[in-house]
Amino acid sequence: YLQMNDLKPEDTAIYYCAVLTSGLGASEVPSEYS
């Protein structure tokens, strides 16, 4: 889940769920997700 509070206009976007199958840590890079 992603609980979002105090939403602002700049939060407007398409939100995507993704899965990381490698042994990496908490990656912030989209290309790392499978």
Full PDB file with SEQRES, HELIX, SHEET, SSBOND, CRYST1, ORIGX, SCALE, CONECT and MASTER records, all heavy atoms in Angstrom:
SEQRES   1 A   34  TYR LEU GLN MET ASN ASP LEU LYS PRO GLU ASP THR ALA          
SEQRES   2 A   34  ILE TYR TYR CYS ALA VAL LEU THR SER GLY LEU GLY ALA          
SEQRES   3 A   34  SER GLU VAL PRO SER GLU TYR SER                              
HELIX    1 AA1 PRO A    9  ASP A   11  5                                   3    
HELIX    2 AA2 PRO A   30  GLU A   32  5                                   3    
CRYST1    1.000    1.000    1.000  90.00  90.00  90.00 P 1           1          
ORIGX1      1.000000  0.000000  0.000000        0.00000                         
ORIGX2      0.000000  1.000000  0.000000        0.00000                         
ORIGX3      0.000000  0.000000  1.000000        0.00000                         
SCALE1      1.000000  0.000000  0.000000        0.00000                         
SCALE2      0.000000  1.000000  0.000000        0.00000                         
SCALE3      0.000000  0.000000  1.000000        0.00000                         
ATOM      1  N   TYR A   1       0.827  -1.195   0.000  1.00  0.00           N  
ATOM      2  CA  TYR A   1       0.000   0.000   0.000  1.00  0.00           C  
ATOM      3  C   TYR A   1       0.864   1.248   0.000  1.00  0.00           C  
ATOM      4  O   TYR A   1       2.004   1.246   0.460  1.00  0.00           O  
ATOM      5  CB  TYR A   1      -0.911   0.034   1.233  1.00  0.00           C  
ATOM      6  CG  TYR A   1      -1.822  -1.151   1.357  1.00  0.00           C  
ATOM      7  CD1 TYR A   1      -1.462  -2.251   2.121  1.00  0.00           C  
ATOM      8  CD2 TYR A   1      -3.051  -1.169   0.703  1.00  0.00           C  
ATOM      9  CE1 TYR A   1      -2.302  -3.346   2.240  1.00  0.00           C  
ATOM     10  CE2 TYR A   1      -3.895  -2.255   0.817  1.00  0.00           C  
ATOM     11  CZ  TYR A   1      -3.521  -3.344   1.582  1.00  0.00           C  
ATOM     12  OH  TYR A   1      -4.357  -4.421   1.690  1.00  0.00           O  
ATOM     13  N   LEU A   2       0.299   2.318  -0.506  1.00  0.00           N  
ATOM     14  CA  LEU A   2       0.903   3.630  -0.380  1.00  0.00           C  
ATOM     15  C   LEU A   2      -0.164   4.573   0.152  1.00  0.00           C  
ATOM     16  O   LEU A   2      -1.081   4.955  -0.576  1.00  0.00           O  
ATOM     17  CB  LEU A   2       1.453   4.142  -1.709  1.00  0.00           C  
ATOM     18  CG  LEU A   2       2.179   5.488  -1.635  1.00  0.00           C  
ATOM     19  CD1 LEU A   2       3.484   5.348  -0.848  1.00  0.00           C  
ATOM     20  CD2 LEU A   2       2.468   6.030  -3.031  1.00  0.00           C  
ATOM     21  N   GLN A   3      -0.058   4.918   1.432  1.00  0.00           N  
ATOM     22  CA  GLN A   3      -0.963   5.877   2.045  1.00  0.00           C  
ATOM     23  C   GLN A   3      -0.412   7.268   1.801  1.00  0.00           C  
ATOM     24  O   GLN A   3       0.710   7.575   2.200  1.00  0.00           O  
ATOM     25  CB  GLN A   3      -1.095   5.609   3.549  1.00  0.00           C  
ATOM     26  CG  GLN A   3      -1.894   6.662   4.303  1.00  0.00           C  
ATOM     27  CD  GLN A   3      -3.352   6.684   3.913  1.00  0.00           C  
ATOM     28  OE1 GLN A   3      -3.988   5.637   3.816  1.00  0.00           O  
ATOM     29  NE2 GLN A   3      -3.892   7.874   3.676  1.00  0.00           N  
ATOM     30  N   MET A   4      -1.192   8.106   1.150  1.00  0.00           N  
ATOM     31  CA  MET A   4      -0.763   9.450   0.797  1.00  0.00           C  
ATOM     32  C   MET A   4      -1.644  10.464   1.511  1.00  0.00           C  
ATOM     33  O   MET A   4      -2.863  10.466   1.331  1.00  0.00           O  
ATOM     34  CB  MET A   4      -0.821   9.660  -0.717  1.00  0.00           C  
ATOM     35  CG  MET A   4       0.002   8.651  -1.512  1.00  0.00           C  
ATOM     36  SD  MET A   4       0.045   9.025  -3.285  1.00  0.00           S  
ATOM     37  CE  MET A   4      -1.679   8.741  -3.703  1.00  0.00           C  
ATOM     38  N   ASN A   5      -1.017  11.314   2.304  1.00  0.00           N  
ATOM     39  CA  ASN A   5      -1.712  12.363   3.035  1.00  0.00           C  
ATOM     40  C   ASN A   5      -1.229  13.733   2.596  1.00  0.00           C  
ATOM     41  O   ASN A   5      -0.152  13.871   2.014  1.00  0.00           O  
ATOM     42  CB  ASN A   5      -1.495  12.201   4.542  1.00  0.00           C  
ATOM     43  CG  ASN A   5      -2.022  10.902   5.090  1.00  0.00           C  
ATOM     44  OD1 ASN A   5      -3.087  10.429   4.688  1.00  0.00           O  
ATOM     45  ND2 ASN A   5      -1.284  10.311   6.026  1.00  0.00           N  
ATOM     46  N   ASP A   6      -2.026  14.747   2.899  1.00  0.00           N  
ATOM     47  CA  ASP A   6      -1.681  16.127   2.577  1.00  0.00           C  
ATOM     48  C   ASP A   6      -1.266  16.267   1.116  1.00  0.00           C  
ATOM     49  O   ASP A   6      -0.216  16.823   0.790  1.00  0.00           O  
ATOM     50  CB  ASP A   6      -0.561  16.621   3.501  1.00  0.00           C  
ATOM     51  CG  ASP A   6      -0.330  18.118   3.412  1.00  0.00           C  
ATOM     52  OD1 ASP A   6      -1.281  18.853   3.052  1.00  0.00           O  
ATOM     53  OD2 ASP A   6       0.789  18.568   3.708  1.00  0.00           O  
ATOM     54  N   LEU A   7      -2.099  15.769   0.249  1.00  0.00           N  
ATOM     55  CA  LEU A   7      -1.778  15.773  -1.178  1.00  0.00           C  
ATOM     56  C   LEU A   7      -1.780  17.187  -1.749  1.00  0.00           C  
ATOM     57  O   LEU A   7      -2.559  18.047  -1.327  1.00  0.00           O  
ATOM     58  CB  LEU A   7      -2.759  14.893  -1.936  1.00  0.00           C  
ATOM     59  CG  LEU A   7      -2.525  13.391  -1.751  1.00  0.00           C  
ATOM     60  CD1 LEU A   7      -3.743  12.598  -2.167  1.00  0.00           C  
ATOM     61  CD2 LEU A   7      -1.303  12.955  -2.550  1.00  0.00           C  
ATOM     62  N   LYS A   8      -0.897  17.398  -2.711  1.00  0.00           N  
ATOM     63  CA  LYS A   8      -0.724  18.689  -3.354  1.00  0.00           C  
ATOM     64  C   LYS A   8      -0.869  18.529  -4.861  1.00  0.00           C  
ATOM     65  O   LYS A   8      -0.694  17.429  -5.390  1.00  0.00           O  
ATOM     66  CB  LYS A   8       0.659  19.259  -3.022  1.00  0.00           C  
ATOM     67  CG  LYS A   8       0.942  19.361  -1.536  1.00  0.00           C  
ATOM     68  CD  LYS A   8       2.385  19.762  -1.264  1.00  0.00           C  
ATOM     69  CE  LYS A   8       2.666  19.812   0.222  1.00  0.00           C  
ATOM     70  NZ  LYS A   8       4.075  20.181   0.510  1.00  0.00           N  
ATOM     71  N   PRO A   9      -1.171  19.616  -5.572  1.00  0.00           N  
ATOM     72  CA  PRO A   9      -1.300  19.509  -7.030  1.00  0.00           C  
ATOM     73  C   PRO A   9      -0.069  18.897  -7.701  1.00  0.00           C  
ATOM     74  O   PRO A   9      -0.214  18.178  -8.699  1.00  0.00           O  
ATOM     75  CB  PRO A   9      -1.509  20.964  -7.463  1.00  0.00           C  
ATOM     76  CG  PRO A   9      -2.199  21.583  -6.302  1.00  0.00           C  
ATOM     77  CD  PRO A   9      -1.554  20.950  -5.087  1.00  0.00           C  
ATOM     78  N   GLU A  10       1.118  19.157  -7.183  1.00  0.00           N  
ATOM     79  CA  GLU A  10       2.331  18.601  -7.766  1.00  0.00           C  
ATOM     80  C   GLU A  10       2.450  17.091  -7.582  1.00  0.00           C  
ATOM     81  O   GLU A  10       3.337  16.465  -8.158  1.00  0.00           O  
ATOM     82  CB  GLU A  10       3.585  19.290  -7.208  1.00  0.00           C  
ATOM     83  CG  GLU A  10       3.646  19.328  -5.692  1.00  0.00           C  
ATOM     84  CD  GLU A  10       3.168  20.645  -5.116  1.00  0.00           C  
ATOM     85  OE1 GLU A  10       2.134  21.158  -5.593  1.00  0.00           O  
ATOM     86  OE2 GLU A  10       3.827  21.168  -4.197  1.00  0.00           O  
ATOM     87  N   ASP A  11       1.564  16.501  -6.775  1.00  0.00           N  
ATOM     88  CA  ASP A  11       1.521  15.049  -6.632  1.00  0.00           C  
ATOM     89  C   ASP A  11       0.743  14.389  -7.763  1.00  0.00           C  
ATOM     90  O   ASP A  11       0.722  13.155  -7.858  1.00  0.00           O  
ATOM     91  CB  ASP A  11       0.889  14.649  -5.296  1.00  0.00           C  
ATOM     92  CG  ASP A  11       1.731  15.068  -4.105  1.00  0.00           C  
ATOM     93  OD1 ASP A  11       2.965  14.922  -4.158  1.00  0.00           O  
ATOM     94  OD2 ASP A  11       1.143  15.536  -3.105  1.00  0.00           O  
ATOM     95  N   THR A  12       0.091  15.173  -8.588  1.00  0.00           N  
ATOM     96  CA  THR A  12      -0.664  14.638  -9.714  1.00  0.00           C  
ATOM     97  C   THR A  12       0.263  13.883 -10.656  1.00  0.00           C  
ATOM     98  O   THR A  12       1.248  14.433 -11.151  1.00  0.00           O  
ATOM     99  CB  THR A  12      -1.378  15.758 -10.468  1.00  0.00           C  
ATOM    100  OG1 THR A  12      -2.355  16.361  -9.616  1.00  0.00           O  
ATOM    101  CG2 THR A  12      -2.072  15.221 -11.710  1.00  0.00           C  
ATOM    102  N   ALA A  13      -0.039  12.614 -10.891  1.00  0.00           N  
ATOM    103  CA  ALA A  13       0.813  11.759 -11.714  1.00  0.00           C  
ATOM    104  C   ALA A  13       0.165  10.395 -11.854  1.00  0.00           C  
ATOM    105  O   ALA A  13      -0.805  10.078 -11.166  1.00  0.00           O  
ATOM    106  CB  ALA A  13       2.198  11.600 -11.085  1.00  0.00           C  
ATOM    107  N   ILE A  14       0.725   9.589 -12.739  1.00  0.00           N  
ATOM    108  CA  ILE A  14       0.394   8.175 -12.766  1.00  0.00           C  
ATOM    109  C   ILE A  14       1.348   7.476 -11.806  1.00  0.00           C  
ATOM    110  O   ILE A  14       2.564   7.633 -11.911  1.00  0.00           O  
ATOM    111  CB  ILE A  14       0.532   7.577 -14.176  1.00  0.00           C  
ATOM    112  CG1 ILE A  14      -0.408   8.288 -15.147  1.00  0.00           C  
ATOM    113  CG2 ILE A  14       0.223   6.094 -14.150  1.00  0.00           C  
ATOM    114  CD1 ILE A  14      -0.253   7.839 -16.590  1.00  0.00           C  
ATOM    115  N   TYR A  15       0.799   6.723 -10.882  1.00  0.00           N  
ATOM    116  CA  TYR A  15       1.596   6.018  -9.886  1.00  0.00           C  
ATOM    117  C   TYR A  15       1.730   4.553 -10.281  1.00  0.00           C  
ATOM    118  O   TYR A  15       0.739   3.891 -10.593  1.00  0.00           O  
ATOM    119  CB  TYR A  15       0.966   6.151  -8.499  1.00  0.00           C  
ATOM    120  CG  TYR A  15       1.198   7.512  -7.892  1.00  0.00           C  
ATOM    121  CD1 TYR A  15       0.548   8.632  -8.391  1.00  0.00           C  
ATOM    122  CD2 TYR A  15       2.083   7.678  -6.830  1.00  0.00           C  
ATOM    123  CE1 TYR A  15       0.778   9.886  -7.855  1.00  0.00           C  
ATOM    124  CE2 TYR A  15       2.310   8.929  -6.284  1.00  0.00           C  
ATOM    125  CZ  TYR A  15       1.659  10.027  -6.798  1.00  0.00           C  
ATOM    126  OH  TYR A  15       1.893  11.275  -6.253  1.00  0.00           O  
ATOM    127  N   TYR A  16       2.966   4.055 -10.255  1.00  0.00           N  
ATOM    128  CA  TYR A  16       3.269   2.698 -10.679  1.00  0.00           C  
ATOM    129  C   TYR A  16       3.840   1.877  -9.537  1.00  0.00           C  
ATOM    130  O   TYR A  16       4.686   2.355  -8.775  1.00  0.00           O  
ATOM    131  CB  TYR A  16       4.297   2.701 -11.809  1.00  0.00           C  
ATOM    132  CG  TYR A  16       3.847   3.360 -13.085  1.00  0.00           C  
ATOM    133  CD1 TYR A  16       4.110   4.704 -13.321  1.00  0.00           C  
ATOM    134  CD2 TYR A  16       3.173   2.637 -14.056  1.00  0.00           C  
ATOM    135  CE1 TYR A  16       3.713   5.314 -14.495  1.00  0.00           C  
ATOM    136  CE2 TYR A  16       2.774   3.235 -15.237  1.00  0.00           C  
ATOM    137  CZ  TYR A  16       3.046   4.580 -15.446  1.00  0.00           C  
ATOM    138  OH  TYR A  16       2.650   5.169 -16.626  1.00  0.00           O  
ATOM    139  N   CYS A  17       3.402   0.651  -9.441  1.00  0.00           N  
ATOM    140  CA  CYS A  17       3.998  -0.337  -8.551  1.00  0.00           C  
ATOM    141  C   CYS A  17       5.045  -1.117  -9.337  1.00  0.00           C  
ATOM    142  O   CYS A  17       4.839  -1.422 -10.513  1.00  0.00           O  
ATOM    143  CB  CYS A  17       2.912  -1.272  -8.021  1.00  0.00           C  
ATOM    144  SG  CYS A  17       3.495  -2.554  -6.901  1.00  0.00           S  
ATOM    145  N   ALA A  18       6.181  -1.429  -8.706  1.00  0.00           N  
ATOM    146  CA  ALA A  18       7.254  -2.134  -9.387  1.00  0.00           C  
ATOM    147  C   ALA A  18       7.907  -3.152  -8.465  1.00  0.00           C  
ATOM    148  O   ALA A  18       7.863  -3.021  -7.244  1.00  0.00           O  
ATOM    149  CB  ALA A  18       8.302  -1.135  -9.894  1.00  0.00           C  
ATOM    150  N   VAL A  19       8.545  -4.156  -9.077  1.00  0.00           N  
ATOM    151  CA  VAL A  19       9.199  -5.232  -8.346  1.00  0.00           C  
ATOM    152  C   VAL A  19      10.673  -5.278  -8.707  1.00  0.00           C  
ATOM    153  O   VAL A  19      11.039  -5.249  -9.885  1.00  0.00           O  
ATOM    154  CB  VAL A  19       8.544  -6.593  -8.650  1.00  0.00           C  
ATOM    155  CG1 VAL A  19       9.350  -7.725  -8.018  1.00  0.00           C  
ATOM    156  CG2 VAL A  19       7.115  -6.620  -8.136  1.00  0.00           C  
ATOM    157  N   LEU A  20      11.515  -5.372  -7.680  1.00  0.00           N  
ATOM    158  CA  LEU A  20      12.958  -5.482  -7.848  1.00  0.00           C  
ATOM    159  C   LEU A  20      13.367  -6.915  -7.532  1.00  0.00           C  
ATOM    160  O   LEU A  20      13.253  -7.355  -6.390  1.00  0.00           O  
ATOM    161  CB  LEU A  20      13.669  -4.494  -6.922  1.00  0.00           C  
ATOM    162  CG  LEU A  20      15.197  -4.428  -6.983  1.00  0.00           C  
ATOM    163  CD1 LEU A  20      15.650  -3.874  -8.322  1.00  0.00           C  
ATOM    164  CD2 LEU A  20      15.728  -3.570  -5.843  1.00  0.00           C  
ATOM    165  N   THR A  21      13.855  -7.636  -8.535  1.00  0.00           N  
ATOM    166  CA  THR A  21      14.189  -9.048  -8.361  1.00  0.00           C  
ATOM    167  C   THR A  21      15.674  -9.291  -8.133  1.00  0.00           C  
ATOM    168  O   THR A  21      16.072 -10.410  -7.801  1.00  0.00           O  
ATOM    169  CB  THR A  21      13.737  -9.871  -9.570  1.00  0.00           C  
ATOM    170  OG1 THR A  21      14.340  -9.352 -10.758  1.00  0.00           O  
ATOM    171  CG2 THR A  21      12.224  -9.833  -9.713  1.00  0.00           C  
ATOM    172  N   SER A  22      16.514  -8.298  -8.302  1.00  0.00           N  
ATOM    173  CA  SER A  22      17.939  -8.438  -8.078  1.00  0.00           C  
ATOM    174  C   SER A  22      18.244  -8.393  -6.591  1.00  0.00           C  
ATOM    175  O   SER A  22      17.360  -8.177  -5.763  1.00  0.00           O  
ATOM    176  CB  SER A  22      18.709  -7.344  -8.810  1.00  0.00           C  
ATOM    177  OG  SER A  22      18.543  -6.095  -8.162  1.00  0.00           O  
ATOM    178  N   GLY A  23      19.511  -8.582  -6.261  1.00  0.00           N  
ATOM    179  CA  GLY A  23      19.926  -8.532  -4.868  1.00  0.00           C  
ATOM    180  C   GLY A  23      20.291  -7.149  -4.388  1.00  0.00           C  
ATOM    181  O   GLY A  23      20.876  -6.999  -3.317  1.00  0.00           O  
ATOM    182  N   LEU A  24      19.947  -6.126  -5.156  1.00  0.00           N  
ATOM    183  CA  LEU A  24      20.240  -4.758  -4.783  1.00  0.00           C  
ATOM    184  C   LEU A  24      19.414  -4.328  -3.584  1.00  0.00           C  
ATOM    185  O   LEU A  24      18.377  -4.917  -3.275  1.00  0.00           O  
ATOM    186  CB  LEU A  24      19.978  -3.822  -5.962  1.00  0.00           C  
ATOM    187  CG  LEU A  24      20.806  -4.047  -7.226  1.00  0.00           C  
ATOM    188  CD1 LEU A  24      20.335  -3.126  -8.339  1.00  0.00           C  
ATOM    189  CD2 LEU A  24      22.283  -3.833  -6.946  1.00  0.00           C  
ATOM    190  N   GLY A  25      19.873  -3.278  -2.943  1.00  0.00           N  
ATOM    191  CA  GLY A  25      19.126  -2.676  -1.860  1.00  0.00           C  
ATOM    192  C   GLY A  25      17.993  -1.822  -2.386  1.00  0.00           C  
ATOM    193  O   GLY A  25      17.468  -2.053  -3.482  1.00  0.00           O  
ATOM    194  N   ALA A  26      17.625  -0.822  -1.613  1.00  0.00           N  
ATOM    195  CA  ALA A  26      16.499   0.048  -1.958  1.00  0.00           C  
ATOM    196  C   ALA A  26      16.875   0.956  -3.130  1.00  0.00           C  
ATOM    197  O   ALA A  26      17.308   2.086  -2.941  1.00  0.00           O  
ATOM    198  CB  ALA A  26      16.083   0.871  -0.756  1.00  0.00           C  
ATOM    199  N   SER A  27      16.672   0.463  -4.329  1.00  0.00           N  
ATOM    200  CA  SER A  27      17.023   1.214  -5.524  1.00  0.00           C  
ATOM    201  C   SER A  27      15.998   2.291  -5.834  1.00  0.00           C  
ATOM    202  O   SER A  27      14.796   2.095  -5.646  1.00  0.00           O  
ATOM    203  CB  SER A  27      17.140   0.269  -6.722  1.00  0.00           C  
ATOM    204  OG  SER A  27      17.386   0.998  -7.909  1.00  0.00           O  
ATOM    205  N   GLU A  28      16.481   3.426  -6.320  1.00  0.00           N  
ATOM    206  CA  GLU A  28      15.627   4.519  -6.760  1.00  0.00           C  
ATOM    207  C   GLU A  28      15.655   4.669  -8.271  1.00  0.00           C  
ATOM    208  O   GLU A  28      15.119   5.638  -8.811  1.00  0.00           O  
ATOM    209  CB  GLU A  28      16.056   5.828  -6.103  1.00  0.00           C  
ATOM    210  CG  GLU A  28      15.983   5.802  -4.577  1.00  0.00           C  
ATOM    211  CD  GLU A  28      16.381   7.115  -3.941  1.00  0.00           C  
ATOM    212  OE1 GLU A  28      16.639   8.091  -4.680  1.00  0.00           O  
ATOM    213  OE2 GLU A  28      16.425   7.179  -2.699  1.00  0.00           O  
ATOM    214  N   VAL A  29      16.256   3.713  -8.959  1.00  0.00           N  
ATOM    215  CA  VAL A  29      16.448   3.771 -10.400  1.00  0.00           C  
ATOM    216  C   VAL A  29      15.420   2.889 -11.094  1.00  0.00           C  
ATOM    217  O   VAL A  29      15.416   1.673 -10.909  1.00  0.00           O  
ATOM    218  CB  VAL A  29      17.870   3.324 -10.776  1.00  0.00           C  
ATOM    219  CG1 VAL A  29      18.074   3.432 -12.280  1.00  0.00           C  
ATOM    220  CG2 VAL A  29      18.901   4.144 -10.019  1.00  0.00           C  
ATOM    221  N   PRO A  30      14.547   3.461 -11.917  1.00  0.00           N  
ATOM    222  CA  PRO A  30      13.506   2.665 -12.577  1.00  0.00           C  
ATOM    223  C   PRO A  30      14.032   1.493 -13.384  1.00  0.00           C  
ATOM    224  O   PRO A  30      13.421   0.419 -13.380  1.00  0.00           O  
ATOM    225  CB  PRO A  30      12.807   3.694 -13.479  1.00  0.00           C  
ATOM    226  CG  PRO A  30      13.013   4.999 -12.781  1.00  0.00           C  
ATOM    227  CD  PRO A  30      14.388   4.905 -12.193  1.00  0.00           C  
ATOM    228  N   SER A  31      15.175   1.664 -14.063  1.00  0.00           N  
ATOM    229  CA  SER A  31      15.705   0.609 -14.918  1.00  0.00           C  
ATOM    230  C   SER A  31      16.160  -0.618 -14.142  1.00  0.00           C  
ATOM    231  O   SER A  31      16.365  -1.676 -14.739  1.00  0.00           O  
ATOM    232  CB  SER A  31      16.861   1.148 -15.769  1.00  0.00           C  
ATOM    233  OG  SER A  31      17.943   1.573 -14.955  1.00  0.00           O  
ATOM    234  N   GLU A  32      16.325  -0.499 -12.845  1.00  0.00           N  
ATOM    235  CA  GLU A  32      16.732  -1.632 -12.028  1.00  0.00           C  
ATOM    236  C   GLU A  32      15.570  -2.572 -11.705  1.00  0.00           C  
ATOM    237  O   GLU A  32      15.789  -3.700 -11.275  1.00  0.00           O  
ATOM    238  CB  GLU A  32      17.359  -1.148 -10.722  1.00  0.00           C  
ATOM    239  CG  GLU A  32      18.662  -0.360 -10.888  1.00  0.00           C  
ATOM    240  CD  GLU A  32      19.819  -1.225 -11.337  1.00  0.00           C  
ATOM    241  OE1 GLU A  32      19.747  -2.464 -11.192  1.00  0.00           O  
ATOM    242  OE2 GLU A  32      20.807  -0.663 -11.840  1.00  0.00           O  
ATOM    243  N   TYR A  33      14.353  -2.124 -11.930  1.00  0.00           N  
ATOM    244  CA  TYR A  33      13.177  -2.909 -11.588  1.00  0.00           C  
ATOM    245  C   TYR A  33      12.737  -3.789 -12.749  1.00  0.00           C  
ATOM    246  O   TYR A  33      12.772  -3.358 -13.912  1.00  0.00           O  
ATOM    247  CB  TYR A  33      12.035  -1.987 -11.136  1.00  0.00           C  
ATOM    248  CG  TYR A  33      12.276  -1.439  -9.756  1.00  0.00           C  
ATOM    249  CD1 TYR A  33      13.184  -0.405  -9.547  1.00  0.00           C  
ATOM    250  CD2 TYR A  33      11.619  -1.978  -8.650  1.00  0.00           C  
ATOM    251  CE1 TYR A  33      13.432   0.076  -8.267  1.00  0.00           C  
ATOM    252  CE2 TYR A  33      11.862  -1.494  -7.378  1.00  0.00           C  
ATOM    253  CZ  TYR A  33      12.766  -0.474  -7.188  1.00  0.00           C  
ATOM    254  OH  TYR A  33      13.007   0.007  -5.921  1.00  0.00           O  
ATOM    255  N   SER A  34      12.324  -5.001 -12.420  1.00  0.00           N  
ATOM    256  CA  SER A  34      12.038  -6.015 -13.433  1.00  0.00           C  
ATOM    257  C   SER A  34      10.596  -6.008 -13.924  1.00  0.00           C  
ATOM    258  O   SER A  34      10.339  -6.311 -15.095  1.00  0.00           O  
ATOM    259  CB  SER A  34      12.364  -7.404 -12.881  1.00  0.00           C  
ATOM    260  OG  SER A  34      13.736  -7.505 -12.538  1.00  0.00           O  
TER     261      SER A  34                                                      
MASTER        0    0    0    2    0    0    0    6  260    1    0    3          
END                                                                             
